[in-house]
Amino acid sequence: MSVLDEWSSRRALGRPGLDTEVQAPVDDVVLRAESDARNVDDFDMRHLRYFLTVVRAGTVSSAAQQLRISQPSLSQQIRRLEQRVGAPLFIRSSRGVELTTGGRAFLREIQGIPSQLRSAIDAALPAPRVWPVGVCGGVPSDVLIEVQKGLSGSRTRQSHDVGAKLRMRSVDAADQDELLRHGEIAYGIVRLPIPTPHLVRAVVWDEPLGVVMALEHQLAARNELTWSDLARQRLLWYNEGCAPGFAETVPAHLARLGWSSVLHPVDQDQHALFLHALQTTTDLVALRPQRAVEREPHLVWRPLPTTRPPRERLAVTAVSNSRSARILQQVSEKRGWAFFAD
């Protein structure tokens, strides 16, 4: 006997102790869902994915490449879907495909199904006890503590217990997207901006950048710096994989302000290497928020000579429409983190 059959039998016999007037609306919803499910038993989620990919790609050949199947096979699957629907979904031409009127109506109704199913699966799963978190290089300890307090202190709707523990590990920002999508990490900590549209972001750190140098540096004695001073300095900077968007936008911002710096990349995961490079290279400076280095006795911090300095924004990310994303949004509301869903 199926779960729904068993449930229907119990309903027919009645369940002592339950208010049937209160239960009836819920029963009606389940019965309607059961009827709808029976009418689409032979539909395959794979066909919906194929349909959505063709819509987005604009051509069957491009969609086939993205799906890693042959074009004839994809065309056959789309025809089977159209036969099951009972109406043509696409108009084919030499330029690609366009949705028919029926195809647009079909798209409007089904495009939310995959995320709804994923949300249902997430809701049914037990809450994880450990959330793996990927951390990009050079993140201040204050940020890690704030994230730890926020996420480990969260409570899920399915449980009244305190949320899971965090297991943080170093992961380049360029690698976090794939690990998030495959579920190998639940959250990532990255510098914004990031070129990934399907991740939600909660900003936990937003600080202006200033110039950092060794205590022995020739400019350390000056309280104010000029662009002429900085023009003769190289900039200790991030490897591209460590902060792809940030590593490009900040030097471009500085160039517009008057400092076209020569970049000196270094592994930002190793704080000792960061200090060593600044202390052993006479014409080398770095950029950091003041809060990130104010407790470091071997370094000095000076503001950039502008009222519009570039900023460092560190954010927690999660895959859109996932359980992690919903928890992150709830935590953001409690902690006052700026949350962005697109």
C-alpha atoms as a PDB file:
ATOM      1  CA  MET A   1       0.000   0.000   0.000  1.00  0.00           C
ATOM      2  CA  SER A   2       1.379   3.428  -0.944  1.00  0.00           C
ATOM      3  CA  VAL A   3       1.759   6.235   1.562  1.00  0.00           C
ATOM      4  CA  LEU A   4      -1.106   8.156  -0.051  1.00  0.00           C
ATOM      5  CA  ASP A   5      -3.353   5.064  -0.153  1.00  0.00           C
ATOM      6  CA  GLU A   6      -2.657   4.423   3.515  1.00  0.00           C
ATOM      7  CA  TRP A   7      -3.355   8.060   4.335  1.00  0.00           C
ATOM      8  CA  SER A   8      -6.625   7.984   2.350  1.00  0.00           C
ATOM      9  CA  SER A   9      -7.770   4.817   4.180  1.00  0.00           C
ATOM     10  CA  ARG A  10      -7.141   6.458   7.546  1.00  0.00           C
ATOM     11  CA  ARG A  11      -9.108   9.508   6.438  1.00  0.00           C
ATOM     12  CA  ALA A  12     -12.066   7.385   5.313  1.00  0.00           C
ATOM     13  CA  LEU A  13     -12.185   5.595   8.682  1.00  0.00           C
ATOM     14  CA  GLY A  14     -11.773   8.813  10.634  1.00  0.00           C
ATOM     15  CA  ARG A  15      -9.091   9.630  13.201  1.00  0.00           C
ATOM     16  CA  PRO A  16     -10.237   9.938  16.787  1.00  0.00           C
ATOM     17  CA  GLY A  17      -9.052  12.962  18.696  1.00  0.00           C
ATOM     18  CA  LEU A  18      -8.624  15.211  15.642  1.00  0.00           C
ATOM     19  CA  ASP A  19     -10.873  18.102  14.745  1.00  0.00           C
ATOM     20  CA  THR A  20     -12.270  17.037  11.357  1.00  0.00           C
ATOM     21  CA  GLU A  21     -13.437  20.564  10.553  1.00  0.00           C
ATOM     22  CA  VAL A  22      -9.891  21.876  10.962  1.00  0.00           C
ATOM     23  CA  GLN A  23      -8.364  18.918   9.140  1.00  0.00           C
ATOM     24  CA  ALA A  24     -10.675  18.981   6.124  1.00  0.00           C
ATOM     25  CA  PRO A  25      -8.976  21.855   4.246  1.00  0.00           C
ATOM     26  CA  VAL A  26      -5.584  20.132   4.599  1.00  0.00           C
ATOM     27  CA  ASP A  27      -7.109  16.860   3.391  1.00  0.00           C
ATOM     28  CA  ASP A  28      -8.573  18.608   0.364  1.00  0.00           C
ATOM     29  CA  VAL A  29      -5.185  20.062  -0.562  1.00  0.00           C
ATOM     30  CA  VAL A  30      -3.511  16.651  -0.369  1.00  0.00           C
ATOM     31  CA  LEU A  31      -6.295  14.996  -2.375  1.00  0.00           C
ATOM     32  CA  ARG A  32      -6.018  17.631  -5.096  1.00  0.00           C
ATOM     33  CA  ALA A  33      -2.236  17.196  -5.159  1.00  0.00           C
ATOM     34  CA  GLU A  34      -2.667  13.407  -5.394  1.00  0.00           C
ATOM     35  CA  SER A  35      -5.046  13.808  -8.325  1.00  0.00           C
ATOM     36  CA  ASP A  36      -2.723  16.235 -10.104  1.00  0.00           C
ATOM     37  CA  ALA A  37       0.264  13.939  -9.548  1.00  0.00           C
ATOM     38  CA  ARG A  38      -1.640  10.978 -11.020  1.00  0.00           C
ATOM     39  CA  ASN A  39      -2.344  12.983 -14.185  1.00  0.00           C
ATOM     40  CA  VAL A  40       1.343  13.711 -14.785  1.00  0.00           C
ATOM     41  CA  ASP A  41       2.835  10.362 -13.770  1.00  0.00           C
ATOM     42  CA  ASP A  42       4.590   9.960 -17.110  1.00  0.00           C
ATOM     43  CA  PHE A  43       6.251  13.369 -17.041  1.00  0.00           C
ATOM     44  CA  ASP A  44      10.007  13.361 -16.473  1.00  0.00           C
ATOM     45  CA  MET A  45      11.875  16.185 -14.695  1.00  0.00           C
ATOM     46  CA  ARG A  46      14.620  15.617 -17.230  1.00  0.00           C
ATOM     47  CA  HIS A  47      12.302  16.836 -20.001  1.00  0.00           C
ATOM     48  CA  LEU A  48      11.588  20.036 -18.085  1.00  0.00           C
ATOM     49  CA  ARG A  49      15.329  20.617 -17.702  1.00  0.00           C
ATOM     50  CA  TYR A  50      15.816  20.053 -21.436  1.00  0.00           C
ATOM     51  CA  PHE A  51      12.971  22.450 -22.249  1.00  0.00           C
ATOM     52  CA  LEU A  52      14.323  25.179 -19.937  1.00  0.00           C
ATOM     53  CA  THR A  53      17.846  24.801 -21.325  1.00  0.00           C
ATOM     54  CA  VAL A  54      16.627  25.180 -24.928  1.00  0.00           C
ATOM     55  CA  VAL A  55      14.639  28.287 -23.941  1.00  0.00           C
ATOM     56  CA  ARG A  56      17.706  29.848 -22.322  1.00  0.00           C
ATOM     57  CA  ALA A  57      20.184  28.803 -25.039  1.00  0.00           C
ATOM     58  CA  GLY A  58      17.970  29.885 -27.947  1.00  0.00           C
ATOM     59  CA  THR A  59      19.092  27.001 -30.179  1.00  0.00           C
ATOM     60  CA  VAL A  60      18.878  23.242 -29.846  1.00  0.00           C
ATOM     61  CA  SER A  61      22.538  22.830 -30.782  1.00  0.00           C
ATOM     62  CA  SER A  62      23.752  25.209 -28.041  1.00  0.00           C
ATOM     63  CA  ALA A  63      21.458  23.554 -25.508  1.00  0.00           C
ATOM     64  CA  ALA A  64      22.759  20.116 -26.502  1.00  0.00           C
ATOM     65  CA  GLN A  65      26.327  21.265 -25.903  1.00  0.00           C
ATOM     66  CA  GLN A  66      25.427  22.600 -22.461  1.00  0.00           C
ATOM     67  CA  LEU A  67      23.578  19.383 -21.586  1.00  0.00           C
ATOM     68  CA  ARG A  68      26.370  17.239 -23.065  1.00  0.00           C
ATOM     69  CA  ILE A  69      24.044  15.182 -25.213  1.00  0.00           C
ATOM     70  CA  SER A  70      23.754  14.928 -29.012  1.00  0.00           C
ATOM     71  CA  GLN A  71      21.576  17.381 -30.901  1.00  0.00           C
ATOM     72  CA  PRO A  72      19.391  14.637 -32.500  1.00  0.00           C
ATOM     73  CA  SER A  73      18.784  13.100 -29.081  1.00  0.00           C
ATOM     74  CA  LEU A  74      17.753  16.448 -27.586  1.00  0.00           C
ATOM     75  CA  SER A  75      15.456  17.183 -30.542  1.00  0.00           C
ATOM     76  CA  GLN A  76      13.795  13.804 -30.044  1.00  0.00           C
ATOM     77  CA  GLN A  77      13.259  14.457 -26.328  1.00  0.00           C
ATOM     78  CA  ILE A  78      11.712  17.858 -27.042  1.00  0.00           C
ATOM     79  CA  ARG A  79       9.336  16.268 -29.580  1.00  0.00           C
ATOM     80  CA  ARG A  80       8.315  13.692 -26.970  1.00  0.00           C
ATOM     81  CA  LEU A  81       7.582  16.485 -24.521  1.00  0.00           C
ATOM     82  CA  GLU A  82       5.458  18.291 -27.110  1.00  0.00           C
ATOM     83  CA  GLN A  83       3.560  15.065 -27.822  1.00  0.00           C
ATOM     84  CA  ARG A  84       2.865  14.612 -24.107  1.00  0.00           C
ATOM     85  CA  VAL A  85       1.727  18.228 -23.707  1.00  0.00           C
ATOM     86  CA  GLY A  86      -0.372  17.939 -26.852  1.00  0.00           C
ATOM     87  CA  ALA A  87       0.800  21.169 -28.422  1.00  0.00           C
ATOM     88  CA  PRO A  88       3.922  22.528 -30.152  1.00  0.00           C
ATOM     89  CA  LEU A  89       6.174  24.459 -27.770  1.00  0.00           C
ATOM     90  CA  PHE A  90       8.759  25.849 -30.211  1.00  0.00           C
ATOM     91  CA  ILE A  91       8.845  27.403 -33.657  1.00  0.00           C
ATOM     92  CA  ARG A  92      11.981  26.157 -35.433  1.00  0.00           C
ATOM     93  CA  SER A  93      13.899  28.313 -37.916  1.00  0.00           C
ATOM     94  CA  SER A  94      17.406  28.615 -39.310  1.00  0.00           C
ATOM     95  CA  ARG A  95      18.152  31.218 -36.628  1.00  0.00           C
ATOM     96  CA  GLY A  96      17.153  28.965 -33.746  1.00  0.00           C
ATOM     97  CA  VAL A  97      13.916  28.420 -31.849  1.00  0.00           C
ATOM     98  CA  GLU A  98      11.169  30.666 -30.515  1.00  0.00           C
ATOM     99  CA  LEU A  99       8.417  29.813 -28.078  1.00  0.00           C
ATOM    100  CA  THR A 100       4.910  29.405 -29.410  1.00  0.00           C
ATOM    101  CA  THR A 101       2.019  30.983 -27.534  1.00  0.00           C
ATOM    102  CA  GLY A 102       1.474  27.620 -25.859  1.00  0.00           C
ATOM    103  CA  GLY A 103       5.197  27.358 -25.164  1.00  0.00           C
ATOM    104  CA  ARG A 104       5.213  30.711 -23.370  1.00  0.00           C
ATOM    105  CA  ALA A 105       2.243  29.632 -21.269  1.00  0.00           C
ATOM    106  CA  PHE A 106       3.956  26.315 -20.482  1.00  0.00           C
ATOM    107  CA  LEU A 107       7.159  28.124 -19.464  1.00  0.00           C
ATOM    108  CA  ARG A 108       5.260  30.523 -17.208  1.00  0.00           C
ATOM    109  CA  GLU A 109       3.652  27.661 -15.294  1.00  0.00           C
ATOM    110  CA  ILE A 110       6.572  25.222 -14.993  1.00  0.00           C
ATOM    111  CA  GLN A 111       9.632  27.385 -14.440  1.00  0.00           C
ATOM    112  CA  GLY A 112       9.115  27.364 -10.665  1.00  0.00           C
ATOM    113  CA  ILE A 113       8.730  23.579 -10.392  1.00  0.00           C
ATOM    114  CA  PRO A 114      12.462  22.647 -10.114  1.00  0.00           C
ATOM    115  CA  SER A 115      13.122  25.123  -7.302  1.00  0.00           C
ATOM    116  CA  GLN A 116       9.933  24.083  -5.503  1.00  0.00           C
ATOM    117  CA  LEU A 117      10.933  20.432  -5.673  1.00  0.00           C
ATOM    118  CA  ARG A 118      14.429  21.251  -4.470  1.00  0.00           C
ATOM    119  CA  SER A 119      12.979  23.262  -1.579  1.00  0.00           C
ATOM    120  CA  ALA A 120      10.706  20.341  -0.662  1.00  0.00           C
ATOM    121  CA  ILE A 121      13.653  17.942  -0.618  1.00  0.00           C
ATOM    122  CA  ASP A 122      15.699  20.373   1.484  1.00  0.00           C
ATOM    123  CA  ALA A 123      12.823  20.789   3.941  1.00  0.00           C
ATOM    124  CA  ALA A 124      12.493  17.017   4.404  1.00  0.00           C
ATOM    125  CA  LEU A 125      16.171  16.429   5.060  1.00  0.00           C
ATOM    126  CA  PRO A 126      17.412  16.481   8.656  1.00  0.00           C
ATOM    127  CA  ALA A 127      19.398  19.590   9.560  1.00  0.00           C
ATOM    128  CA  PRO A 128      23.144  18.988   9.153  1.00  0.00           C
ATOM    129  CA  ARG A 129      25.269  18.903  12.287  1.00  0.00           C
ATOM    130  CA  VAL A 130      28.296  20.428  10.530  1.00  0.00           C
ATOM    131  CA  TRP A 131      28.263  23.109   7.853  1.00  0.00           C
ATOM    132  CA  PRO A 132      31.484  23.258   5.808  1.00  0.00           C
ATOM    133  CA  VAL A 133      32.444  26.858   4.990  1.00  0.00           C
ATOM    134  CA  GLY A 134      34.953  27.925   2.340  1.00  0.00           C
ATOM    135  CA  VAL A 135      37.025  30.988   3.276  1.00  0.00           C
ATOM    136  CA  CYS A 136      38.966  33.065   0.737  1.00  0.00           C
ATOM    137  CA  GLY A 137      42.422  34.382   1.614  1.00  0.00           C
ATOM    138  CA  GLY A 138      43.123  37.323   3.906  1.00  0.00           C
ATOM    139  CA  VAL A 139      39.803  37.354   5.772  1.00  0.00           C
ATOM    140  CA  PRO A 140      40.193  39.110   9.170  1.00  0.00           C
ATOM    141  CA  SER A 141      39.510  37.071  12.273  1.00  0.00           C
ATOM    142  CA  ASP A 142      36.755  39.550  13.243  1.00  0.00           C
ATOM    143  CA  VAL A 143      34.787  38.467  10.166  1.00  0.00           C
ATOM    144  CA  LEU A 144      35.191  34.764  10.941  1.00  0.00           C
ATOM    145  CA  ILE A 145      34.013  35.352  14.509  1.00  0.00           C
ATOM    146  CA  GLU A 146      30.961  37.302  13.301  1.00  0.00           C
ATOM    147  CA  VAL A 147      30.044  34.566  10.819  1.00  0.00           C
ATOM    148  CA  GLN A 148      30.571  31.910  13.490  1.00  0.00           C
ATOM    149  CA  LYS A 149      28.279  33.736  15.938  1.00  0.00           C
ATOM    150  CA  GLY A 150      25.612  34.305  13.317  1.00  0.00           C
ATOM    151  CA  LEU A 151      25.388  30.920  11.640  1.00  0.00           C
ATOM    152  CA  SER A 152      26.177  28.612  14.547  1.00  0.00           C
ATOM    153  CA  GLY A 153      23.623  30.436  16.670  1.00  0.00           C
ATOM    154  CA  SER A 154      20.858  30.130  14.085  1.00  0.00           C
ATOM    155  CA  ARG A 155      17.780  27.991  14.585  1.00  0.00           C
ATOM    156  CA  THR A 156      16.014  26.140  11.794  1.00  0.00           C
ATOM    157  CA  ARG A 157      12.258  25.992  11.380  1.00  0.00           C
ATOM    158  CA  GLN A 158      12.370  22.195  11.554  1.00  0.00           C
ATOM    159  CA  SER A 159      14.148  22.128  14.896  1.00  0.00           C
ATOM    160  CA  HIS A 160      14.309  24.101  18.129  1.00  0.00           C
ATOM    161  CA  ASP A 161      17.932  23.055  18.614  1.00  0.00           C
ATOM    162  CA  VAL A 162      20.806  25.464  18.081  1.00  0.00           C
ATOM    163  CA  GLY A 163      22.130  25.373  14.511  1.00  0.00           C
ATOM    164  CA  ALA A 164      24.996  23.271  13.246  1.00  0.00           C
ATOM    165  CA  LYS A 165      28.675  23.828  13.930  1.00  0.00           C
ATOM    166  CA  LEU A 166      30.870  25.396  11.264  1.00  0.00           C
ATOM    167  CA  ARG A 167      33.948  23.769   9.764  1.00  0.00           C
ATOM    168  CA  MET A 168      35.946  26.488   8.008  1.00  0.00           C
ATOM    169  CA  ARG A 169      38.686  25.810   5.475  1.00  0.00           C
ATOM    170  CA  SER A 170      40.679  27.833   2.976  1.00  0.00           C
ATOM    171  CA  VAL A 171      39.104  27.830  -0.513  1.00  0.00           C
ATOM    172  CA  ASP A 172      39.912  30.293  -3.318  1.00  0.00           C
ATOM    173  CA  ALA A 173      36.906  32.403  -4.295  1.00  0.00           C
ATOM    174  CA  ALA A 174      37.234  31.141  -7.888  1.00  0.00           C
ATOM    175  CA  ASP A 175      36.677  27.562  -6.678  1.00  0.00           C
ATOM    176  CA  GLN A 176      33.835  28.230  -4.245  1.00  0.00           C
ATOM    177  CA  ASP A 177      31.071  28.444  -6.863  1.00  0.00           C
ATOM    178  CA  GLU A 178      31.532  24.848  -8.034  1.00  0.00           C
ATOM    179  CA  LEU A 179      31.912  23.526  -4.470  1.00  0.00           C
ATOM    180  CA  LEU A 180      28.714  25.314  -3.423  1.00  0.00           C
ATOM    181  CA  ARG A 181      26.739  23.954  -6.372  1.00  0.00           C
ATOM    182  CA  HIS A 182      27.912  20.386  -5.662  1.00  0.00           C
ATOM    183  CA  GLY A 183      27.169  20.664  -1.952  1.00  0.00           C
ATOM    184  CA  GLU A 184      30.779  20.223  -0.823  1.00  0.00           C
ATOM    185  CA  ILE A 185      30.545  23.475   1.117  1.00  0.00           C
ATOM    186  CA  ALA A 186      27.338  24.971   2.524  1.00  0.00           C
ATOM    187  CA  TYR A 187      28.612  28.575   2.596  1.00  0.00           C
ATOM    188  CA  GLY A 188      31.459  30.586   1.152  1.00  0.00           C
ATOM    189  CA  ILE A 189      33.153  33.741   2.425  1.00  0.00           C
ATOM    190  CA  VAL A 190      34.363  35.956  -0.434  1.00  0.00           C
ATOM    191  CA  ARG A 191      35.248  39.513  -1.382  1.00  0.00           C
ATOM    192  CA  LEU A 192      32.681  41.293  -3.495  1.00  0.00           C
ATOM    193  CA  PRO A 193      32.022  41.705  -6.320  1.00  0.00           C
ATOM    194  CA  ILE A 194      31.691  38.119  -7.552  1.00  0.00           C
ATOM    195  CA  PRO A 195      30.668  37.225 -11.138  1.00  0.00           C
ATOM    196  CA  THR A 196      28.176  34.541 -10.057  1.00  0.00           C
ATOM    197  CA  PRO A 197      24.441  35.270 -10.494  1.00  0.00           C
ATOM    198  CA  HIS A 198      22.943  32.194  -8.780  1.00  0.00           C
ATOM    199  CA  LEU A 199      24.328  32.890  -5.310  1.00  0.00           C
ATOM    200  CA  VAL A 200      22.752  34.910  -2.502  1.00  0.00           C
ATOM    201  CA  ARG A 201      25.082  37.200  -0.538  1.00  0.00           C
ATOM    202  CA  ALA A 202      25.060  38.598   2.996  1.00  0.00           C
ATOM    203  CA  VAL A 203      27.586  41.400   3.586  1.00  0.00           C
ATOM    204  CA  VAL A 204      29.222  41.075   7.016  1.00  0.00           C
ATOM    205  CA  TRP A 205      32.135  43.511   6.501  1.00  0.00           C
ATOM    206  CA  ASP A 206      32.190  46.808   4.573  1.00  0.00           C
ATOM    207  CA  GLU A 207      35.252  48.995   5.250  1.00  0.00           C
ATOM    208  CA  PRO A 208      37.261  51.622   3.318  1.00  0.00           C
ATOM    209  CA  LEU A 209      40.695  50.537   2.147  1.00  0.00           C
ATOM    210  CA  GLY A 210      43.871  52.340   3.173  1.00  0.00           C
ATOM    211  CA  VAL A 211      47.598  51.950   2.582  1.00  0.00           C
ATOM    212  CA  VAL A 212      49.474  49.414   4.701  1.00  0.00           C
ATOM    213  CA  MET A 213      53.273  49.336   4.914  1.00  0.00           C
ATOM    214  CA  ALA A 214      56.040  48.048   7.115  1.00  0.00           C
ATOM    215  CA  LEU A 215      57.020  50.110  10.158  1.00  0.00           C
ATOM    216  CA  GLU A 216      60.425  50.671   8.545  1.00  0.00           C
ATOM    217  CA  HIS A 217      59.021  51.869   5.192  1.00  0.00           C
ATOM    218  CA  GLN A 218      60.220  55.281   3.997  1.00  0.00           C
ATOM    219  CA  LEU A 219      56.626  56.606   3.883  1.00  0.00           C
ATOM    220  CA  ALA A 220      55.675  55.312   7.332  1.00  0.00           C
ATOM    221  CA  ALA A 221      56.621  58.584   9.041  1.00  0.00           C
ATOM    222  CA  ARG A 222      54.082  60.574   6.979  1.00  0.00           C
ATOM    223  CA  ASN A 223      50.571  60.934   8.319  1.00  0.00           C
ATOM    224  CA  GLU A 224      49.185  61.870   4.907  1.00  0.00           C
ATOM    225  CA  LEU A 225      50.155  60.423   1.542  1.00  0.00           C
ATOM    226  CA  THR A 226      49.837  61.830  -1.973  1.00  0.00           C
ATOM    227  CA  TRP A 227      49.299  60.110  -5.301  1.00  0.00           C
ATOM    228  CA  SER A 228      52.860  61.150  -6.194  1.00  0.00           C
ATOM    229  CA  ASP A 229      54.121  59.244  -3.136  1.00  0.00           C
ATOM    230  CA  LEU A 230      52.217  56.138  -4.164  1.00  0.00           C
ATOM    231  CA  ALA A 231      53.202  56.348  -7.842  1.00  0.00           C
ATOM    232  CA  ARG A 232      56.665  55.065  -6.930  1.00  0.00           C
ATOM    233  CA  GLN A 233      55.300  52.114  -4.919  1.00  0.00           C
ATOM    234  CA  ARG A 234      54.335  48.626  -6.018  1.00  0.00           C
ATOM    235  CA  LEU A 235      51.096  47.186  -4.683  1.00  0.00           C
ATOM    236  CA  LEU A 236      51.098  43.870  -2.862  1.00  0.00           C
ATOM    237  CA  TRP A 237      47.956  42.281  -4.286  1.00  0.00           C
ATOM    238  CA  TYR A 238      45.774  39.199  -4.522  1.00  0.00           C
ATOM    239  CA  ASN A 239      46.203  36.320  -6.911  1.00  0.00           C
ATOM    240  CA  GLU A 240      43.314  36.339  -9.398  1.00  0.00           C
ATOM    241  CA  GLY A 241      41.862  33.063  -8.075  1.00  0.00           C
ATOM    242  CA  CYS A 242      41.739  34.430  -4.553  1.00  0.00           C
ATOM    243  CA  ALA A 243      39.382  37.334  -5.328  1.00  0.00           C
ATOM    244  CA  PRO A 244      38.494  37.476  -9.053  1.00  0.00           C
ATOM    245  CA  GLY A 245      36.111  40.464  -9.109  1.00  0.00           C
ATOM    246  CA  PHE A 246      37.805  42.380  -6.295  1.00  0.00           C
ATOM    247  CA  ALA A 247      41.282  41.861  -7.754  1.00  0.00           C
ATOM    248  CA  GLU A 248      40.187  43.566 -10.982  1.00  0.00           C
ATOM    249  CA  THR A 249      37.890  46.356  -9.793  1.00  0.00           C
ATOM    250  CA  VAL A 250      40.062  47.885  -7.051  1.00  0.00           C
ATOM    251  CA  PRO A 251      43.176  48.567  -9.226  1.00  0.00           C
ATOM    252  CA  ALA A 252      40.844  49.992 -11.891  1.00  0.00           C
ATOM    253  CA  HIS A 253      39.289  52.267  -9.237  1.00  0.00           C
ATOM    254  CA  LEU A 254      42.755  53.407  -8.125  1.00  0.00           C
ATOM    255  CA  ALA A 255      43.779  54.108 -11.714  1.00  0.00           C
ATOM    256  CA  ARG A 256      40.777  56.429 -12.110  1.00  0.00           C
ATOM    257  CA  LEU A 257      41.839  58.239  -8.937  1.00  0.00           C
ATOM    258  CA  GLY A 258      45.427  58.687 -10.163  1.00  0.00           C
ATOM    259  CA  TRP A 259      47.432  55.613  -9.085  1.00  0.00           C
ATOM    260  CA  SER A 260      48.167  53.089 -11.820  1.00  0.00           C
ATOM    261  CA  SER A 261      49.994  50.683  -9.565  1.00  0.00           C
ATOM    262  CA  VAL A 262      52.356  47.874 -10.519  1.00  0.00           C
ATOM    263  CA  LEU A 263      50.903  44.747  -8.908  1.00  0.00           C
ATOM    264  CA  HIS A 264      52.975  42.309  -6.863  1.00  0.00           C
ATOM    265  CA  PRO A 265      50.816  39.159  -6.349  1.00  0.00           C
ATOM    266  CA  VAL A 266      51.277  37.057  -3.231  1.00  0.00           C
ATOM    267  CA  ASP A 267      49.442  34.167  -1.572  1.00  0.00           C
ATOM    268  CA  GLN A 268      47.036  35.965   0.763  1.00  0.00           C
ATOM    269  CA  ASP A 269      46.202  32.764   2.666  1.00  0.00           C
ATOM    270  CA  GLN A 270      49.594  32.956   4.337  1.00  0.00           C
ATOM    271  CA  HIS A 271      49.742  36.001   6.638  1.00  0.00           C
ATOM    272  CA  ALA A 272      53.424  35.311   7.312  1.00  0.00           C
ATOM    273  CA  LEU A 273      54.199  35.675   3.590  1.00  0.00           C
ATOM    274  CA  PHE A 274      52.216  38.928   3.503  1.00  0.00           C
ATOM    275  CA  LEU A 275      54.256  40.363   6.400  1.00  0.00           C
ATOM    276  CA  HIS A 276      57.532  39.045   5.016  1.00  0.00           C
ATOM    277  CA  ALA A 277      56.977  40.670   1.616  1.00  0.00           C
ATOM    278  CA  LEU A 278      56.182  44.076   3.158  1.00  0.00           C
ATOM    279  CA  GLN A 279      59.129  43.949   5.561  1.00  0.00           C
ATOM    280  CA  THR A 280      61.732  42.876   3.019  1.00  0.00           C
ATOM    281  CA  THR A 281      60.777  44.933  -0.074  1.00  0.00           C
ATOM    282  CA  THR A 282      61.454  48.654   0.172  1.00  0.00           C
ATOM    283  CA  ASP A 283      58.994  49.892  -2.486  1.00  0.00           C
ATOM    284  CA  LEU A 284      56.058  47.676  -1.560  1.00  0.00           C
ATOM    285  CA  VAL A 285      52.744  48.658   0.073  1.00  0.00           C
ATOM    286  CA  ALA A 286      49.379  46.919   0.466  1.00  0.00           C
ATOM    287  CA  LEU A 287      45.725  47.873   0.817  1.00  0.00           C
ATOM    288  CA  ARG A 288      43.684  46.866   3.844  1.00  0.00           C
ATOM    289  CA  PRO A 289      40.928  48.319   6.035  1.00  0.00           C
ATOM    290  CA  GLN A 290      42.334  49.909   9.184  1.00  0.00           C
ATOM    291  CA  ARG A 291      40.438  47.464  11.405  1.00  0.00           C
ATOM    292  CA  ALA A 292      42.174  44.533   9.721  1.00  0.00           C
ATOM    293  CA  VAL A 293      45.691  45.598  10.718  1.00  0.00           C
ATOM    294  CA  GLU A 294      45.318  47.902  13.723  1.00  0.00           C
ATOM    295  CA  ARG A 295      46.555  45.203  16.104  1.00  0.00           C
ATOM    296  CA  GLU A 296      49.579  44.324  13.965  1.00  0.00           C
ATOM    297  CA  PRO A 297      52.706  45.926  15.604  1.00  0.00           C
ATOM    298  CA  HIS A 298      54.930  45.570  12.516  1.00  0.00           C
ATOM    299  CA  LEU A 299      52.637  47.534  10.182  1.00  0.00           C
ATOM    300  CA  VAL A 300      51.297  51.084   9.869  1.00  0.00           C
ATOM    301  CA  TRP A 301      48.097  52.204   8.145  1.00  0.00           C
ATOM    302  CA  ARG A 302      47.510  55.457   6.285  1.00  0.00           C
ATOM    303  CA  PRO A 303      44.342  56.664   4.501  1.00  0.00           C
ATOM    304  CA  LEU A 304      44.339  56.970   0.729  1.00  0.00           C
ATOM    305  CA  PRO A 305      44.447  60.595  -0.537  1.00  0.00           C
ATOM    306  CA  THR A 306      40.785  60.645  -1.591  1.00  0.00           C
ATOM    307  CA  THR A 307      37.305  61.012  -0.140  1.00  0.00           C
ATOM    308  CA  ARG A 308      36.169  58.098  -2.347  1.00  0.00           C
ATOM    309  CA  PRO A 309      38.459  55.190  -1.440  1.00  0.00           C
ATOM    310  CA  PRO A 310      37.690  51.705  -2.708  1.00  0.00           C
ATOM    311  CA  ARG A 311      36.068  49.479  -0.108  1.00  0.00           C
ATOM    312  CA  GLU A 312      36.503  45.906   1.004  1.00  0.00           C
ATOM    313  CA  ARG A 313      33.183  44.075   1.290  1.00  0.00           C
ATOM    314  CA  LEU A 314      33.257  40.530   2.621  1.00  0.00           C
ATOM    315  CA  ALA A 315      30.130  38.432   2.244  1.00  0.00           C
ATOM    316  CA  VAL A 316      28.778  35.017   3.123  1.00  0.00           C
ATOM    317  CA  THR A 317      27.362  33.291   0.033  1.00  0.00           C
ATOM    318  CA  ALA A 318      25.039  30.332  -0.528  1.00  0.00           C
ATOM    319  CA  VAL A 319      23.246  28.762  -3.489  1.00  0.00           C
ATOM    320  CA  SER A 320      19.946  30.484  -4.275  1.00  0.00           C
ATOM    321  CA  ASN A 321      16.743  28.685  -3.197  1.00  0.00           C
ATOM    322  CA  SER A 322      18.656  26.282  -0.952  1.00  0.00           C
ATOM    323  CA  ARG A 323      18.182  25.602   2.744  1.00  0.00           C
ATOM    324  CA  SER A 324      21.503  27.362   3.379  1.00  0.00           C
ATOM    325  CA  ALA A 325      20.211  30.452   1.570  1.00  0.00           C
ATOM    326  CA  ARG A 326      17.014  30.555   3.632  1.00  0.00           C
ATOM    327  CA  ILE A 327      18.959  30.219   6.871  1.00  0.00           C
ATOM    328  CA  LEU A 328      21.403  32.910   5.730  1.00  0.00           C
ATOM    329  CA  GLN A 329      18.516  35.296   5.043  1.00  0.00           C
ATOM    330  CA  GLN A 330      17.038  34.653   8.500  1.00  0.00           C
ATOM    331  CA  VAL A 331      20.425  35.194  10.155  1.00  0.00           C
ATOM    332  CA  SER A 332      20.994  38.388   8.139  1.00  0.00           C
ATOM    333  CA  GLU A 333      17.736  39.847   9.433  1.00  0.00           C
ATOM    334  CA  LYS A 334      18.778  39.118  13.025  1.00  0.00           C
ATOM    335  CA  ARG A 335      22.397  40.287  12.703  1.00  0.00           C
ATOM    336  CA  GLY A 336      21.764  43.313  10.475  1.00  0.00           C
ATOM    337  CA  TRP A 337      23.744  41.930   7.518  1.00  0.00           C
ATOM    338  CA  ALA A 338      22.833  43.397   4.126  1.00  0.00           C
ATOM    339  CA  PHE A 339      21.270  40.501   2.187  1.00  0.00           C
ATOM    340  CA  PHE A 340      21.149  40.345  -1.627  1.00  0.00           C
ATOM    341  CA  ALA A 341      19.273  37.653  -3.555  1.00  0.00           C
ATOM    342  CA  ASP A 342      20.382  38.596  -7.061  1.00  0.00           C
END
